[in-house]
Amino acid sequence: MAALNYADILERVLDAYTRIPYAHGDLTCEAIFDPKRGRYVLITVGWDGEERVDDVLVHIDIKDGKLWIQTDNTEHGIAPELVAAGVPKSDIVLAFQAPEVRQHTEYAVA
């Protein structure tokens, strides 16, 4: 699958998160897509009571034809959603895992 198709998949999968309402606080999920540089980020912003929230929910880079999941703070993990959308596990790198741990996952090492 070409990197261009991965960009389309990422935008479709990640955009769905922006439509999920938060159960508490005055929070929103915003998408930041930079297809030119292959960067896709979801951030949670707003207020939860008196606490300011500005956190990365998901950060994925397209590098060398693979999807590098740099950050994944979703409840169930974004990788299975990418697989369900057609991305082979061999093209997904769990970059938030140490390199020596990745070999024990069902996803790509690098």
C-alpha atoms as a PDB file:
ATOM      1  CA  MET A   1       0.000   0.000   0.000  1.00  0.00           C
ATOM      2  CA  ALA A   2       1.386   3.401  -0.933  1.00  0.00           C
ATOM      3  CA  ALA A   3       2.147   6.090   1.627  1.00  0.00           C
ATOM      4  CA  LEU A   4      -0.511   8.293   0.007  1.00  0.00           C
ATOM      5  CA  ASN A   5      -3.160   5.731   0.902  1.00  0.00           C
ATOM      6  CA  TYR A   6      -1.789   5.611   4.455  1.00  0.00           C
ATOM      7  CA  ALA A   7      -2.331   9.355   4.729  1.00  0.00           C
ATOM      8  CA  ASP A   8      -5.970   8.889   3.711  1.00  0.00           C
ATOM      9  CA  ILE A   9      -6.411   6.039   6.201  1.00  0.00           C
ATOM     10  CA  LEU A  10      -4.834   8.033   9.021  1.00  0.00           C
ATOM     11  CA  GLU A  11      -7.016  11.051   8.359  1.00  0.00           C
ATOM     12  CA  ARG A  12     -10.170   8.913   8.266  1.00  0.00           C
ATOM     13  CA  VAL A  13      -9.335   6.893  11.411  1.00  0.00           C
ATOM     14  CA  LEU A  14      -8.086   9.834  13.457  1.00  0.00           C
ATOM     15  CA  ASP A  15     -10.807  12.246  12.366  1.00  0.00           C
ATOM     16  CA  ALA A  16     -13.413   9.944  13.935  1.00  0.00           C
ATOM     17  CA  TYR A  17     -11.911  10.732  17.355  1.00  0.00           C
ATOM     18  CA  THR A  18     -12.645  14.436  16.926  1.00  0.00           C
ATOM     19  CA  ARG A  19     -16.365  13.657  16.911  1.00  0.00           C
ATOM     20  CA  ILE A  20     -16.394  11.706  20.203  1.00  0.00           C
ATOM     21  CA  PRO A  21     -17.682  13.900  23.028  1.00  0.00           C
ATOM     22  CA  TYR A  22     -15.882  13.847  26.362  1.00  0.00           C
ATOM     23  CA  ALA A  23     -17.953  12.709  29.345  1.00  0.00           C
ATOM     24  CA  HIS A  24     -16.456  15.340  31.647  1.00  0.00           C
ATOM     25  CA  GLY A  25     -14.876  18.757  31.509  1.00  0.00           C
ATOM     26  CA  ASP A  26     -14.953  21.235  28.670  1.00  0.00           C
ATOM     27  CA  LEU A  27     -12.636  19.211  26.436  1.00  0.00           C
ATOM     28  CA  THR A  28     -12.306  18.721  22.692  1.00  0.00           C
ATOM     29  CA  CYS A  29     -10.145  16.502  20.536  1.00  0.00           C
ATOM     30  CA  GLU A  30      -8.420  18.335  17.706  1.00  0.00           C
ATOM     31  CA  ALA A  31      -6.657  16.843  14.687  1.00  0.00           C
ATOM     32  CA  ILE A  32      -3.436  18.237  13.292  1.00  0.00           C
ATOM     33  CA  PHE A  33      -2.528  16.707   9.932  1.00  0.00           C
ATOM     34  CA  ASP A  34       0.694  17.559   8.089  1.00  0.00           C
ATOM     35  CA  PRO A  35       0.684  15.231   5.062  1.00  0.00           C
ATOM     36  CA  LYS A  36       3.640  17.021   3.471  1.00  0.00           C
ATOM     37  CA  ARG A  37       5.840  15.939   6.388  1.00  0.00           C
ATOM     38  CA  GLY A  38       3.911  12.733   7.169  1.00  0.00           C
ATOM     39  CA  ARG A  39       2.790  13.770  10.655  1.00  0.00           C
ATOM     40  CA  TYR A  40      -0.620  13.092  12.164  1.00  0.00           C
ATOM     41  CA  VAL A  41      -1.526  14.201  15.691  1.00  0.00           C
ATOM     42  CA  LEU A  42      -4.603  14.268  17.880  1.00  0.00           C
ATOM     43  CA  ILE A  43      -4.587  16.577  20.880  1.00  0.00           C
ATOM     44  CA  THR A  44      -7.012  16.981  23.748  1.00  0.00           C
ATOM     45  CA  VAL A  45      -7.487  20.607  24.755  1.00  0.00           C
ATOM     46  CA  GLY A  46      -9.717  22.521  27.138  1.00  0.00           C
ATOM     47  CA  TRP A  47     -10.490  22.574  30.828  1.00  0.00           C
ATOM     48  CA  ASP A  48     -11.264  19.739  33.232  1.00  0.00           C
ATOM     49  CA  GLY A  49     -12.568  21.582  36.263  1.00  0.00           C
ATOM     50  CA  GLU A  50      -9.811  24.003  37.235  1.00  0.00           C
ATOM     51  CA  GLU A  51      -7.125  22.050  35.377  1.00  0.00           C
ATOM     52  CA  ARG A  52      -5.947  23.105  31.909  1.00  0.00           C
ATOM     53  CA  VAL A  53      -5.591  20.190  29.515  1.00  0.00           C
ATOM     54  CA  ASP A  54      -3.340  20.242  26.451  1.00  0.00           C
ATOM     55  CA  ASP A  55      -2.184  16.672  25.838  1.00  0.00           C
ATOM     56  CA  VAL A  56      -1.191  14.533  22.888  1.00  0.00           C
ATOM     57  CA  LEU A  57      -3.667  11.698  22.446  1.00  0.00           C
ATOM     58  CA  VAL A  58      -2.105  10.152  19.326  1.00  0.00           C
ATOM     59  CA  HIS A  59       1.001  10.966  17.269  1.00  0.00           C
ATOM     60  CA  ILE A  60       1.785   8.941  14.138  1.00  0.00           C
ATOM     61  CA  ASP A  61       4.483   9.583  11.542  1.00  0.00           C
ATOM     62  CA  ILE A  62       4.744   8.059   8.081  1.00  0.00           C
ATOM     63  CA  LYS A  63       8.416   7.109   7.687  1.00  0.00           C
ATOM     64  CA  ASP A  64       9.898   4.885   4.989  1.00  0.00           C
ATOM     65  CA  GLY A  65       6.446   3.620   4.016  1.00  0.00           C
ATOM     66  CA  LYS A  66       5.514   2.564   7.548  1.00  0.00           C
ATOM     67  CA  LEU A  67       3.295   4.064  10.215  1.00  0.00           C
ATOM     68  CA  TRP A  68       5.333   4.906  13.310  1.00  0.00           C
ATOM     69  CA  ILE A  69       3.040   5.259  16.312  1.00  0.00           C
ATOM     70  CA  GLN A  70       5.014   7.690  18.466  1.00  0.00           C
ATOM     71  CA  THR A  71       2.327   8.215  21.111  1.00  0.00           C
ATOM     72  CA  ASP A  72      -0.869   6.301  21.784  1.00  0.00           C
ATOM     73  CA  ASN A  73      -2.967   7.374  24.751  1.00  0.00           C
ATOM     74  CA  THR A  74      -6.217   5.901  23.448  1.00  0.00           C
ATOM     75  CA  GLU A  75      -8.185   3.509  25.615  1.00  0.00           C
ATOM     76  CA  HIS A  76      -7.841   0.435  23.374  1.00  0.00           C
ATOM     77  CA  GLY A  77      -4.882   1.321  21.154  1.00  0.00           C
ATOM     78  CA  ILE A  78      -4.851   2.842  17.695  1.00  0.00           C
ATOM     79  CA  ALA A  79      -2.883   0.006  16.014  1.00  0.00           C
ATOM     80  CA  PRO A  80      -5.831  -2.444  15.875  1.00  0.00           C
ATOM     81  CA  GLU A  81      -7.958   0.286  14.282  1.00  0.00           C
ATOM     82  CA  LEU A  82      -5.295   0.831  11.611  1.00  0.00           C
ATOM     83  CA  VAL A  83      -5.187  -2.910  10.932  1.00  0.00           C
ATOM     84  CA  ALA A  84      -8.980  -2.985  10.634  1.00  0.00           C
ATOM     85  CA  ALA A  85      -8.685  -0.102   8.127  1.00  0.00           C
ATOM     86  CA  GLY A  86      -6.364  -2.176   5.930  1.00  0.00           C
ATOM     87  CA  VAL A  87      -2.833  -1.451   7.176  1.00  0.00           C
ATOM     88  CA  PRO A  88      -0.778  -4.652   7.518  1.00  0.00           C
ATOM     89  CA  LYS A  89       0.840  -5.198  10.930  1.00  0.00           C
ATOM     90  CA  SER A  90       4.201  -5.374   9.141  1.00  0.00           C
ATOM     91  CA  ASP A  91       3.780  -1.663   8.272  1.00  0.00           C
ATOM     92  CA  ILE A  92       3.028  -0.513  11.828  1.00  0.00           C
ATOM     93  CA  VAL A  93       5.853   0.307  14.249  1.00  0.00           C
ATOM     94  CA  LEU A  94       5.039   0.797  17.921  1.00  0.00           C
ATOM     95  CA  ALA A  95       7.689   3.492  18.290  1.00  0.00           C
ATOM     96  CA  PHE A  96       6.615   4.220  21.880  1.00  0.00           C
ATOM     97  CA  GLN A  97       7.969   0.759  22.754  1.00  0.00           C
ATOM     98  CA  ALA A  98      11.725   0.370  23.277  1.00  0.00           C
ATOM     99  CA  PRO A  99      13.412  -1.174  20.196  1.00  0.00           C
ATOM    100  CA  GLU A 100      14.310  -4.349  22.123  1.00  0.00           C
ATOM    101  CA  VAL A 101      10.663  -4.787  23.157  1.00  0.00           C
ATOM    102  CA  ARG A 102       9.194  -4.365  19.659  1.00  0.00           C
ATOM    103  CA  GLN A 103      10.406  -7.791  18.555  1.00  0.00           C
ATOM    104  CA  HIS A 104       7.979  -9.307  21.057  1.00  0.00           C
ATOM    105  CA  THR A 105       4.939  -7.504  19.597  1.00  0.00           C
ATOM    106  CA  GLU A 106       2.935  -8.591  16.599  1.00  0.00           C
ATOM    107  CA  TYR A 107       3.952  -5.430  14.749  1.00  0.00           C
ATOM    108  CA  ALA A 108       7.044  -4.289  12.824  1.00  0.00           C
ATOM    109  CA  VAL A 109      10.348  -3.764  14.653  1.00  0.00           C
ATOM    110  CA  ALA A 110      11.311  -0.751  12.506  1.00  0.00           C
END
